[in-house]
Amino acid sequence: MSVQARPQDYAAAIYDLALEPWLQNLGTIQKAVKSDAALRAGLDDAGLSTGEKLEQLSQALPNAVTGEIRKFLGTLLEAGQFDQLDTILLELDRLARRRPERRLAQVTSAVPLTEPEEETMRAKLVERFGTDLEIQFEVDASLIGGVYLRVGDQVIDGSVAGKLAALRDHLTA
């Protein structure tokens, strides 16, 4: 069974992977600054340079203050806006939650669909179920022909195997 993802699916996965460390690390930094009076005092000390303040954060939280997060914290410190970290974290969390959950649409066919067939299927699925879909295309020769769709808990069995099973059930009932 093969699975093919669209560029949008990859982009959504990257977005999710990139966002989570930021939320975790900024949350860790936020909690540490709130709970550590000495760290908070150092960050508030106008006599310390941005580099010295970043070094204090790095020593206190070596796993959280790395790479891009260090650059971001430096920007906040330079601008005198480190006290806005709580608000920034709340806004980042709000933006993360605003992204709707994507429903999985599994399209299983007896033979691989061509690119135009996939695009037609995507368009019809979006028309019927909305744009919040992650669509996976799979191949299962046991379907004999046709397509089997599953979107969430909804199933549309348009496969030859499904029609034969329904006919068998009808004849034996």
C-alpha atoms as a PDB file:
ATOM      1  CA  MET A   1       0.000   0.000   0.000  1.00  0.00           C
ATOM      2  CA  SER A   2       1.571   3.343  -0.998  1.00  0.00           C
ATOM      3  CA  VAL A   3       0.857   6.695   0.639  1.00  0.00           C
ATOM      4  CA  GLN A   4       1.378  10.007  -1.140  1.00  0.00           C
ATOM      5  CA  ALA A   5       1.347  13.350   0.623  1.00  0.00           C
ATOM      6  CA  ARG A   6       0.777  16.776  -0.916  1.00  0.00           C
ATOM      7  CA  PRO A   7       3.130  19.733  -0.413  1.00  0.00           C
ATOM      8  CA  GLN A   8       0.517  21.280   1.908  1.00  0.00           C
ATOM      9  CA  ASP A   9       0.700  18.181   4.124  1.00  0.00           C
ATOM     10  CA  TYR A  10       4.481  18.496   4.400  1.00  0.00           C
ATOM     11  CA  ALA A  11       4.174  22.220   5.138  1.00  0.00           C
ATOM     12  CA  ALA A  12       1.626  21.564   7.897  1.00  0.00           C
ATOM     13  CA  ALA A  13       3.911  18.930   9.427  1.00  0.00           C
ATOM     14  CA  ILE A  14       6.882  21.322   9.389  1.00  0.00           C
ATOM     15  CA  TYR A  15       4.724  24.031  10.956  1.00  0.00           C
ATOM     16  CA  ASP A  16       3.679  21.684  13.754  1.00  0.00           C
ATOM     17  CA  LEU A  17       7.245  20.473  14.323  1.00  0.00           C
ATOM     18  CA  ALA A  18       8.632  24.008  14.376  1.00  0.00           C
ATOM     19  CA  LEU A  19       6.008  25.455  16.677  1.00  0.00           C
ATOM     20  CA  GLU A  20       6.166  22.892  19.477  1.00  0.00           C
ATOM     21  CA  PRO A  21       9.785  23.539  20.564  1.00  0.00           C
ATOM     22  CA  TRP A  22       9.144  27.285  20.641  1.00  0.00           C
ATOM     23  CA  LEU A  23       6.115  26.845  22.884  1.00  0.00           C
ATOM     24  CA  GLN A  24       7.967  24.436  25.178  1.00  0.00           C
ATOM     25  CA  ASN A  25      11.197  26.421  25.432  1.00  0.00           C
ATOM     26  CA  LEU A  26       9.564  29.822  25.884  1.00  0.00           C
ATOM     27  CA  GLY A  27       7.254  28.283  28.495  1.00  0.00           C
ATOM     28  CA  THR A  28      10.260  26.853  30.351  1.00  0.00           C
ATOM     29  CA  ILE A  29      12.006  30.232  30.251  1.00  0.00           C
ATOM     30  CA  GLN A  30       8.868  32.022  31.409  1.00  0.00           C
ATOM     31  CA  LYS A  31       8.446  29.694  34.419  1.00  0.00           C
ATOM     32  CA  ALA A  32      12.121  29.925  35.369  1.00  0.00           C
ATOM     33  CA  VAL A  33      12.139  33.719  35.275  1.00  0.00           C
ATOM     34  CA  LYS A  34       8.975  33.869  37.388  1.00  0.00           C
ATOM     35  CA  SER A  35      10.264  31.409  39.986  1.00  0.00           C
ATOM     36  CA  ASP A  36      13.937  32.486  40.202  1.00  0.00           C
ATOM     37  CA  ALA A  37      14.270  35.894  41.888  1.00  0.00           C
ATOM     38  CA  ALA A  38      18.021  36.108  41.192  1.00  0.00           C
ATOM     39  CA  LEU A  39      17.521  35.427  37.478  1.00  0.00           C
ATOM     40  CA  ARG A  40      14.705  37.960  37.313  1.00  0.00           C
ATOM     41  CA  ALA A  41      16.870  40.556  39.091  1.00  0.00           C
ATOM     42  CA  GLY A  42      19.712  39.964  36.630  1.00  0.00           C
ATOM     43  CA  LEU A  43      17.396  40.453  33.659  1.00  0.00           C
ATOM     44  CA  ASP A  44      16.069  43.680  35.197  1.00  0.00           C
ATOM     45  CA  ASP A  45      19.579  45.011  35.929  1.00  0.00           C
ATOM     46  CA  ALA A  46      20.141  47.983  33.599  1.00  0.00           C
ATOM     47  CA  GLY A  47      23.882  47.742  34.270  1.00  0.00           C
ATOM     48  CA  LEU A  48      24.179  44.380  32.493  1.00  0.00           C
ATOM     49  CA  SER A  49      24.560  44.123  28.734  1.00  0.00           C
ATOM     50  CA  THR A  50      22.240  42.062  26.561  1.00  0.00           C
ATOM     51  CA  GLY A  51      25.024  39.513  26.137  1.00  0.00           C
ATOM     52  CA  GLU A  52      25.446  39.183  29.904  1.00  0.00           C
ATOM     53  CA  LYS A  53      21.715  38.735  30.373  1.00  0.00           C
ATOM     54  CA  LEU A  54      21.613  36.093  27.642  1.00  0.00           C
ATOM     55  CA  GLU A  55      24.523  34.334  29.308  1.00  0.00           C
ATOM     56  CA  GLN A  56      22.587  34.255  32.605  1.00  0.00           C
ATOM     57  CA  LEU A  57      19.594  32.730  30.815  1.00  0.00           C
ATOM     58  CA  SER A  58      21.811  30.220  29.009  1.00  0.00           C
ATOM     59  CA  GLN A  59      23.490  29.125  32.240  1.00  0.00           C
ATOM     60  CA  ALA A  60      20.168  28.783  34.052  1.00  0.00           C
ATOM     61  CA  LEU A  61      18.408  27.017  31.159  1.00  0.00           C
ATOM     62  CA  PRO A  62      21.014  25.507  28.800  1.00  0.00           C
ATOM     63  CA  ASN A  63      18.510  23.252  27.001  1.00  0.00           C
ATOM     64  CA  ALA A  64      15.918  25.996  26.413  1.00  0.00           C
ATOM     65  CA  VAL A  65      18.123  28.925  25.355  1.00  0.00           C
ATOM     66  CA  THR A  66      19.608  27.762  22.056  1.00  0.00           C
ATOM     67  CA  GLY A  67      19.890  28.950  18.458  1.00  0.00           C
ATOM     68  CA  GLU A  68      16.952  30.952  17.207  1.00  0.00           C
ATOM     69  CA  ILE A  69      15.382  31.211  20.653  1.00  0.00           C
ATOM     70  CA  ARG A  70      18.570  32.848  21.941  1.00  0.00           C
ATOM     71  CA  LYS A  71      18.431  35.347  19.052  1.00  0.00           C
ATOM     72  CA  PHE A  72      14.764  36.050  19.783  1.00  0.00           C
ATOM     73  CA  LEU A  73      15.443  36.627  23.489  1.00  0.00           C
ATOM     74  CA  GLY A  74      18.325  38.929  22.533  1.00  0.00           C
ATOM     75  CA  THR A  75      15.949  40.945  20.373  1.00  0.00           C
ATOM     76  CA  LEU A  76      13.491  41.266  23.265  1.00  0.00           C
ATOM     77  CA  LEU A  77      16.249  42.279  25.679  1.00  0.00           C
ATOM     78  CA  GLU A  78      17.706  44.834  23.228  1.00  0.00           C
ATOM     79  CA  ALA A  79      14.265  46.366  22.727  1.00  0.00           C
ATOM     80  CA  GLY A  80      13.610  46.450  26.474  1.00  0.00           C
ATOM     81  CA  GLN A  81      10.595  44.197  25.963  1.00  0.00           C
ATOM     82  CA  PHE A  82      11.591  41.037  27.806  1.00  0.00           C
ATOM     83  CA  ASP A  83       8.743  41.781  30.216  1.00  0.00           C
ATOM     84  CA  GLN A  84       6.388  41.112  27.279  1.00  0.00           C
ATOM     85  CA  LEU A  85       7.379  37.418  27.158  1.00  0.00           C
ATOM     86  CA  ASP A  86       4.160  36.373  28.952  1.00  0.00           C
ATOM     87  CA  THR A  87       2.001  38.193  26.413  1.00  0.00           C
ATOM     88  CA  ILE A  88       4.057  36.901  23.487  1.00  0.00           C
ATOM     89  CA  LEU A  89       3.743  33.331  24.752  1.00  0.00           C
ATOM     90  CA  LEU A  90      -0.027  33.720  25.191  1.00  0.00           C
ATOM     91  CA  GLU A  91      -0.329  35.061  21.645  1.00  0.00           C
ATOM     92  CA  LEU A  92       1.830  32.267  20.231  1.00  0.00           C
ATOM     93  CA  ASP A  93      -0.323  29.697  22.017  1.00  0.00           C
ATOM     94  CA  ARG A  94      -3.485  31.406  20.705  1.00  0.00           C
ATOM     95  CA  LEU A  95      -2.151  31.288  17.155  1.00  0.00           C
ATOM     96  CA  ALA A  96      -1.244  27.621  17.552  1.00  0.00           C
ATOM     97  CA  ARG A  97      -4.740  26.791  18.796  1.00  0.00           C
ATOM     98  CA  ARG A  98      -6.399  28.817  16.042  1.00  0.00           C
ATOM     99  CA  ARG A  99      -5.088  26.414  13.455  1.00  0.00           C
ATOM    100  CA  PRO A 100      -7.949  24.002  12.906  1.00  0.00           C
ATOM    101  CA  GLU A 101      -7.406  20.330  13.412  1.00  0.00           C
ATOM    102  CA  ARG A 102      -7.114  18.628  10.089  1.00  0.00           C
ATOM    103  CA  ARG A 103      -9.237  15.589   9.406  1.00  0.00           C
ATOM    104  CA  LEU A 104      -7.668  12.640   7.670  1.00  0.00           C
ATOM    105  CA  ALA A 105      -9.213  11.569   4.379  1.00  0.00           C
ATOM    106  CA  GLN A 106      -7.998   8.170   3.207  1.00  0.00           C
ATOM    107  CA  VAL A 107      -8.578   7.424  -0.452  1.00  0.00           C
ATOM    108  CA  THR A 108      -7.921   3.773  -1.269  1.00  0.00           C
ATOM    109  CA  SER A 109      -8.060   2.600  -4.870  1.00  0.00           C
ATOM    110  CA  ALA A 110      -7.358  -0.710  -6.581  1.00  0.00           C
ATOM    111  CA  VAL A 111      -4.728   0.883  -8.824  1.00  0.00           C
ATOM    112  CA  PRO A 112      -2.639   4.039  -8.409  1.00  0.00           C
ATOM    113  CA  LEU A 113      -4.553   7.171  -9.386  1.00  0.00           C
ATOM    114  CA  THR A 114      -3.068   9.485 -11.985  1.00  0.00           C
ATOM    115  CA  GLU A 115      -2.221  13.053 -11.009  1.00  0.00           C
ATOM    116  CA  PRO A 116      -5.380  14.442 -12.708  1.00  0.00           C
ATOM    117  CA  GLU A 117      -7.501  11.801 -10.947  1.00  0.00           C
ATOM    118  CA  GLU A 118      -5.950  12.742  -7.593  1.00  0.00           C
ATOM    119  CA  GLU A 119      -6.624  16.430  -8.220  1.00  0.00           C
ATOM    120  CA  THR A 120     -10.244  15.682  -9.157  1.00  0.00           C
ATOM    121  CA  MET A 121     -10.631  13.565  -6.021  1.00  0.00           C
ATOM    122  CA  ARG A 122      -9.105  16.332  -3.872  1.00  0.00           C
ATOM    123  CA  ALA A 123     -11.481  18.904  -5.335  1.00  0.00           C
ATOM    124  CA  LYS A 124     -14.519  16.696  -4.709  1.00  0.00           C
ATOM    125  CA  LEU A 125     -13.439  15.880  -1.149  1.00  0.00           C
ATOM    126  CA  VAL A 126     -12.856  19.554  -0.344  1.00  0.00           C
ATOM    127  CA  GLU A 127     -16.234  20.426  -1.861  1.00  0.00           C
ATOM    128  CA  ARG A 128     -18.000  17.810   0.250  1.00  0.00           C
ATOM    129  CA  PHE A 129     -16.014  17.855   3.514  1.00  0.00           C
ATOM    130  CA  GLY A 130     -14.294  21.273   3.618  1.00  0.00           C
ATOM    131  CA  THR A 131     -10.711  22.435   3.339  1.00  0.00           C
ATOM    132  CA  ASP A 132      -9.455  21.088   6.670  1.00  0.00           C
ATOM    133  CA  LEU A 133      -8.459  17.749   5.163  1.00  0.00           C
ATOM    134  CA  GLU A 134      -5.203  15.872   5.062  1.00  0.00           C
ATOM    135  CA  ILE A 135      -5.659  13.554   2.093  1.00  0.00           C
ATOM    136  CA  GLN A 136      -3.731  10.298   1.794  1.00  0.00           C
ATOM    137  CA  PHE A 137      -3.851   8.158  -1.324  1.00  0.00           C
ATOM    138  CA  GLU A 138      -3.336   4.421  -0.906  1.00  0.00           C
ATOM    139  CA  VAL A 139      -3.443   1.416  -3.209  1.00  0.00           C
ATOM    140  CA  ASP A 140      -5.083  -1.896  -2.280  1.00  0.00           C
ATOM    141  CA  ALA A 141      -5.528  -4.353  -5.156  1.00  0.00           C
ATOM    142  CA  SER A 142      -8.065  -6.382  -3.135  1.00  0.00           C
ATOM    143  CA  LEU A 143     -10.649  -3.673  -3.897  1.00  0.00           C
ATOM    144  CA  ILE A 144     -10.720  -5.059  -7.460  1.00  0.00           C
ATOM    145  CA  GLY A 145     -11.832  -1.649  -8.785  1.00  0.00           C
ATOM    146  CA  GLY A 146     -13.375   1.616  -7.669  1.00  0.00           C
ATOM    147  CA  VAL A 147     -12.503   3.680  -4.607  1.00  0.00           C
ATOM    148  CA  TYR A 148     -12.948   3.295  -0.849  1.00  0.00           C
ATOM    149  CA  LEU A 149     -13.051   6.606   1.086  1.00  0.00           C
ATOM    150  CA  ARG A 150     -12.785   7.198   4.815  1.00  0.00           C
ATOM    151  CA  VAL A 151     -13.049  10.727   6.213  1.00  0.00           C
ATOM    152  CA  GLY A 152     -13.098  10.690   9.990  1.00  0.00           C
ATOM    153  CA  ASP A 153     -15.788   8.179  10.907  1.00  0.00           C
ATOM    154  CA  GLN A 154     -17.581   8.428   7.550  1.00  0.00           C
ATOM    155  CA  VAL A 155     -17.020   5.689   4.986  1.00  0.00           C
ATOM    156  CA  ILE A 156     -17.986   5.695   1.330  1.00  0.00           C
ATOM    157  CA  ASP A 157     -17.356   2.307  -0.222  1.00  0.00           C
ATOM    158  CA  GLY A 158     -17.432   2.629  -3.988  1.00  0.00           C
ATOM    159  CA  SER A 159     -15.183  -0.366  -4.525  1.00  0.00           C
ATOM    160  CA  VAL A 160     -16.097  -3.393  -6.612  1.00  0.00           C
ATOM    161  CA  ALA A 161     -15.229  -5.629  -3.640  1.00  0.00           C
ATOM    162  CA  GLY A 162     -17.624  -3.616  -1.451  1.00  0.00           C
ATOM    163  CA  LYS A 163     -20.424  -3.834  -4.005  1.00  0.00           C
ATOM    164  CA  LEU A 164     -19.898  -7.600  -4.378  1.00  0.00           C
ATOM    165  CA  ALA A 165     -19.992  -8.028  -0.585  1.00  0.00           C
ATOM    166  CA  ALA A 166     -23.209  -5.989  -0.388  1.00  0.00           C
ATOM    167  CA  LEU A 167     -24.745  -8.072  -3.194  1.00  0.00           C
ATOM    168  CA  ARG A 168     -23.708 -11.298  -1.440  1.00  0.00           C
ATOM    169  CA  ASP A 169     -25.252 -10.079   1.834  1.00  0.00           C
ATOM    170  CA  HIS A 170     -28.468  -9.119   0.034  1.00  0.00           C
ATOM    171  CA  LEU A 171     -28.749 -12.487  -1.733  1.00  0.00           C
ATOM    172  CA  THR A 172     -28.102 -14.508   1.425  1.00  0.00           C
ATOM    173  CA  ALA A 173     -30.491 -12.499   3.613  1.00  0.00           C
END
